[in-house]
N, C-alpha and C. Protein backbone atom coordinates (compact mmCIF):
# COMPACT_ATOMS: atom_id res chain seq x y z
N UNK A 1 -20.40 54.90 -75.65
CA UNK A 1 -18.98 55.00 -75.05
C UNK A 1 -18.95 56.40 -74.07
N UNK A 2 -19.16 56.61 -72.47
CA UNK A 2 -18.98 57.65 -71.92
C UNK A 2 -17.73 58.19 -71.77
N UNK A 3 -17.80 59.45 -71.21
CA UNK A 3 -16.28 60.27 -71.02
C UNK A 3 -15.38 59.75 -70.08
N UNK A 4 -15.58 58.49 -69.39
CA UNK A 4 -14.61 57.69 -68.52
C UNK A 4 -13.46 57.16 -69.48
N UNK A 5 -14.18 56.65 -70.59
CA UNK A 5 -13.13 56.04 -71.63
C UNK A 5 -11.93 57.06 -72.36
N UNK A 6 -12.43 57.96 -72.40
CA UNK A 6 -11.33 59.11 -72.86
C UNK A 6 -10.73 59.56 -71.51
N UNK A 7 -11.03 59.56 -70.62
CA UNK A 7 -9.79 60.31 -69.40
C UNK A 7 -8.43 59.76 -69.50
N UNK A 8 -7.36 60.41 -69.09
CA UNK A 8 -6.25 60.23 -69.42
C UNK A 8 -5.73 60.30 -67.85
N UNK A 9 -5.29 59.03 -67.50
CA UNK A 9 -4.61 59.05 -66.24
C UNK A 9 -2.96 58.78 -66.30
N UNK A 10 -2.16 59.69 -65.63
CA UNK A 10 -0.99 59.48 -65.39
C UNK A 10 -0.58 59.66 -64.05
N UNK A 11 0.49 58.64 -63.88
CA UNK A 11 1.17 58.52 -62.81
C UNK A 11 2.93 58.82 -62.56
N UNK A 12 2.69 60.14 -62.34
CA UNK A 12 4.68 60.44 -62.23
C UNK A 12 4.88 60.29 -60.98
N UNK A 13 5.55 59.20 -60.61
CA UNK A 13 5.83 59.14 -59.09
C UNK A 13 4.86 58.45 -58.22
N UNK A 14 4.32 59.47 -57.20
CA UNK A 14 3.23 58.84 -56.48
C UNK A 14 2.16 59.89 -56.30
N UNK A 15 1.89 60.37 -57.62
CA UNK A 15 0.69 61.03 -57.31
C UNK A 15 0.16 61.53 -58.71
N UNK A 16 -1.06 60.84 -58.70
CA UNK A 16 -1.87 60.42 -60.18
C UNK A 16 -2.37 61.66 -60.61
N UNK A 17 -2.19 62.05 -61.77
CA UNK A 17 -3.26 63.26 -62.46
C UNK A 17 -4.16 62.57 -63.70
N UNK A 18 -5.11 63.40 -63.70
CA UNK A 18 -5.93 63.06 -64.36
C UNK A 18 -6.23 64.08 -65.03
N UNK A 19 -6.27 64.03 -66.66
CA UNK A 19 -6.27 65.04 -67.86
C UNK A 19 -8.03 65.01 -68.29
N UNK A 20 -8.58 65.73 -68.30
CA UNK A 20 -9.87 65.46 -69.52
C UNK A 20 -9.94 65.73 -70.48
N UNK A 21 -10.47 64.81 -71.30
CA UNK A 21 -10.33 64.82 -73.14
C UNK A 21 -10.40 66.16 -73.62
N UNK A 22 -10.91 66.89 -73.53
CA UNK A 22 -11.30 68.28 -73.89
C UNK A 22 -10.30 69.40 -73.64
N UNK A 23 -9.93 70.14 -74.05
CA UNK A 23 -9.14 71.37 -73.84
C UNK A 23 -9.74 72.35 -73.03
N UNK A 24 -8.71 73.00 -71.79
CA UNK A 24 -9.61 73.99 -70.91
C UNK A 24 -10.71 73.42 -69.89
N UNK A 25 -10.96 72.21 -70.03
CA UNK A 25 -11.91 71.92 -69.03
C UNK A 25 -11.28 71.41 -67.80
N UNK A 26 -9.82 70.88 -67.76
CA UNK A 26 -9.55 70.25 -66.67
C UNK A 26 -10.02 71.39 -65.27
N UNK A 27 -9.69 72.54 -65.36
CA UNK A 27 -9.89 73.55 -64.36
C UNK A 27 -11.51 73.78 -64.08
N UNK A 28 -12.21 73.92 -64.89
CA UNK A 28 -13.86 73.51 -64.78
C UNK A 28 -14.28 72.41 -63.75
N UNK A 29 -13.68 71.34 -64.49
CA UNK A 29 -14.19 70.11 -63.87
C UNK A 29 -13.53 69.77 -62.55
N UNK A 30 -12.52 70.57 -62.08
CA UNK A 30 -11.95 70.56 -60.78
C UNK A 30 -12.58 71.62 -59.98
N UNK A 31 -12.93 72.42 -60.27
CA UNK A 31 -14.25 73.60 -59.52
C UNK A 31 -15.35 72.53 -58.98
N UNK A 32 -16.01 71.93 -60.27
CA UNK A 32 -17.25 71.13 -59.77
C UNK A 32 -16.64 69.93 -58.84
N UNK A 33 -15.82 69.42 -59.09
CA UNK A 33 -15.11 68.26 -58.36
C UNK A 33 -15.30 68.82 -56.44
N UNK A 34 -14.95 70.30 -56.64
CA UNK A 34 -14.83 71.14 -55.11
C UNK A 34 -15.77 71.25 -55.15
N UNK A 35 -17.03 71.68 -55.67
CA UNK A 35 -18.46 72.24 -55.61
C UNK A 35 -18.90 70.98 -54.98
N UNK A 36 -18.87 69.68 -55.19
CA UNK A 36 -19.28 68.48 -54.58
C UNK A 36 -18.68 67.89 -53.86
N UNK A 37 -17.73 68.54 -53.05
CA UNK A 37 -16.72 68.35 -51.69
C UNK A 37 -15.99 67.43 -51.96
N UNK A 38 -15.45 67.04 -52.92
CA UNK A 38 -14.25 66.10 -53.08
C UNK A 38 -13.00 66.74 -52.94
N UNK A 39 -12.44 66.35 -52.81
CA UNK A 39 -10.75 67.07 -52.32
C UNK A 39 -9.84 66.69 -53.58
N UNK A 40 -9.70 67.63 -54.18
CA UNK A 40 -8.47 67.27 -55.00
C UNK A 40 -7.51 68.34 -54.86
N UNK A 41 -6.61 68.91 -56.11
CA UNK A 41 -5.87 69.73 -56.45
C UNK A 41 -5.44 69.90 -57.76
N UNK A 42 -6.14 70.99 -58.47
CA UNK A 42 -5.90 71.30 -60.02
C UNK A 42 -4.48 72.00 -59.89
N UNK A 43 -3.88 71.36 -60.50
CA UNK A 43 -2.31 71.89 -61.29
C UNK A 43 -2.57 72.15 -62.60
N UNK A 44 -2.41 73.84 -62.80
CA UNK A 44 -2.32 74.09 -64.30
C UNK A 44 -1.73 73.18 -65.27
N UNK A 45 -1.70 73.02 -66.20
CA UNK A 45 -0.92 72.35 -67.39
C UNK A 45 -0.56 70.56 -66.97
N UNK A 46 -0.85 70.36 -66.20
CA UNK A 46 -0.80 69.36 -65.64
C UNK A 46 -2.24 68.15 -65.53
N UNK A 47 -3.19 68.90 -65.04
CA UNK A 47 -4.18 68.32 -64.69
C UNK A 47 -4.98 68.43 -62.89
N UNK A 48 -5.63 67.41 -62.82
CA UNK A 48 -6.52 67.14 -61.66
C UNK A 48 -5.58 66.00 -60.96
N UNK A 49 -5.15 66.57 -59.85
CA UNK A 49 -4.33 65.51 -58.78
C UNK A 49 -5.56 64.89 -57.67
N UNK A 50 -5.30 63.50 -57.60
CA UNK A 50 -5.76 62.80 -56.85
C UNK A 50 -4.64 62.21 -56.10
N UNK A 51 -4.39 61.74 -55.05
CA UNK A 51 -3.59 61.08 -53.99
C UNK A 51 -3.98 59.54 -53.92
N UNK A 52 -3.72 58.80 -54.97
CA UNK A 52 -3.96 57.27 -54.46
C UNK A 52 -3.13 56.50 -53.36
N UNK A 53 -2.16 56.95 -53.99
CA UNK A 53 -0.76 56.18 -53.05
C UNK A 53 -0.89 56.47 -51.25
N UNK A 54 -1.25 57.75 -51.32
CA UNK A 54 -0.92 58.13 -49.57
C UNK A 54 -2.49 58.60 -48.79
N UNK A 55 -3.21 59.62 -49.60
CA UNK A 55 -4.48 59.74 -49.00
C UNK A 55 -5.79 59.09 -49.28
N UNK A 56 -5.77 58.44 -50.58
CA UNK A 56 -6.83 58.09 -50.97
C UNK A 56 -6.95 56.51 -50.94
N UNK A 57 -8.05 55.79 -50.70
CA UNK A 57 -8.15 54.33 -51.14
C UNK A 57 -8.46 54.26 -52.51
N UNK A 58 -8.50 53.02 -53.31
CA UNK A 58 -8.66 52.68 -54.55
C UNK A 58 -10.28 52.62 -54.71
N UNK A 59 -11.19 52.43 -53.66
CA UNK A 59 -12.69 52.92 -54.07
C UNK A 59 -12.90 54.45 -54.13
N UNK A 60 -12.32 55.10 -53.30
CA UNK A 60 -12.12 56.66 -53.24
C UNK A 60 -11.47 57.16 -54.89
N UNK A 61 -10.73 56.80 -54.94
CA UNK A 61 -10.10 56.81 -56.39
C UNK A 61 -11.20 56.49 -57.68
N UNK A 62 -11.81 55.27 -57.42
CA UNK A 62 -12.50 54.82 -58.43
C UNK A 62 -14.05 55.69 -58.44
N UNK A 63 -14.38 56.31 -57.17
CA UNK A 63 -15.38 57.29 -57.34
C UNK A 63 -15.06 58.54 -57.72
N UNK A 64 -13.99 59.04 -57.66
CA UNK A 64 -13.32 60.54 -58.11
C UNK A 64 -13.36 60.15 -59.50
N UNK A 65 -13.11 59.10 -60.23
CA UNK A 65 -13.15 58.86 -61.52
C UNK A 65 -14.61 58.97 -62.33
N UNK A 66 -15.08 57.83 -61.62
CA UNK A 66 -16.73 58.33 -61.85
C UNK A 66 -17.29 59.66 -61.47
N UNK A 67 -16.97 60.36 -60.96
CA UNK A 67 -17.40 61.83 -60.74
C UNK A 67 -16.89 62.35 -61.69
N UNK A 68 -15.73 62.55 -62.14
CA UNK A 68 -15.24 63.26 -63.16
C UNK A 68 -15.92 63.06 -64.66
N UNK A 69 -16.22 61.72 -64.80
CA UNK A 69 -17.14 61.26 -65.97
C UNK A 69 -18.50 61.78 -66.07
N UNK A 70 -19.13 61.89 -64.59
CA UNK A 70 -20.39 62.25 -64.43
C UNK A 70 -20.31 63.60 -64.99
N UNK A 71 -19.27 64.47 -64.50
CA UNK A 71 -19.49 65.79 -64.78
C UNK A 71 -18.85 66.13 -66.15
N UNK A 72 -18.38 65.39 -66.79
CA UNK A 72 -18.38 65.57 -68.17
C UNK A 72 -19.53 65.43 -69.16
N UNK A 73 -20.18 64.22 -68.55
CA UNK A 73 -21.71 63.34 -69.47
C UNK A 73 -22.55 64.46 -69.30
N UNK A 74 -22.41 65.07 -67.92
CA UNK A 74 -23.77 66.03 -67.89
C UNK A 74 -23.49 67.34 -68.28
N UNK A 75 -22.12 67.78 -68.51
CA UNK A 75 -21.89 69.17 -68.55
C UNK A 75 -21.94 69.95 -67.64
N UNK A 76 -21.86 69.33 -66.30
CA UNK A 76 -22.02 69.90 -64.76
C UNK A 76 -21.05 71.38 -64.50
N UNK A 77 -19.83 71.15 -65.46
CA UNK A 77 -18.51 72.09 -65.29
C UNK A 77 -19.05 73.35 -65.78
N UNK A 78 -20.32 73.64 -66.69
CA UNK A 78 -20.55 74.64 -67.43
C UNK A 78 -20.89 75.64 -66.64
N UNK A 79 -21.48 75.18 -65.29
CA UNK A 79 -22.12 76.44 -64.18
C UNK A 79 -20.44 77.08 -63.59
N UNK A 80 -19.37 76.77 -63.89
CA UNK A 80 -18.39 77.33 -63.29
C UNK A 80 -17.56 78.09 -64.48
N UNK A 81 -18.16 78.16 -66.32
CA UNK A 81 -17.59 78.95 -66.80
C UNK A 81 -18.11 80.08 -67.11
N UNK A 82 -17.64 81.31 -67.74
CA UNK A 82 -18.33 82.57 -68.63
C UNK A 82 -17.32 83.19 -68.78
N UNK A 83 -17.02 82.68 -70.13
CA UNK A 83 -16.09 83.63 -70.84
C UNK A 83 -16.65 84.19 -71.90
N UNK A 84 -17.07 85.62 -71.84
CA UNK A 84 -17.56 86.61 -72.56
C UNK A 84 -18.80 85.68 -72.77
N UNK A 85 -19.48 85.19 -71.75
CA UNK A 85 -20.94 84.82 -72.05
C UNK A 85 -20.69 83.36 -72.68
N UNK A 86 -19.73 82.97 -72.89
CA UNK A 86 -19.50 81.71 -73.64
C UNK A 86 -19.00 80.40 -72.57
N UNK A 87 -19.41 79.17 -72.69
CA UNK A 87 -18.77 78.31 -72.12
C UNK A 87 -18.10 77.25 -73.00
N UNK A 88 -16.84 76.98 -72.61
CA UNK A 88 -16.05 76.05 -73.54
C UNK A 88 -16.98 74.76 -73.87
N UNK A 89 -16.79 74.18 -74.87
CA UNK A 89 -17.38 73.06 -75.50
C UNK A 89 -16.21 71.98 -75.83
């Protein structure tokens, strides 16, 4: 079972936020998505905001979720982290 199964998607009102399963990785995953030229908005304490109801199609939202799973499965987020020389796990 890959990372996609453990993503938590919440939809307060008209915006959807994705929270990754491991603490402190939301911001790192967001940085990797931006590096992949995927436009998202990181909201500290909330998660990664995608805009499925207005800005993006369902296919684009599925693509973003697949990319988040890939970032987690491959640990691609690690290149954005360096806290005392350690990468959060």
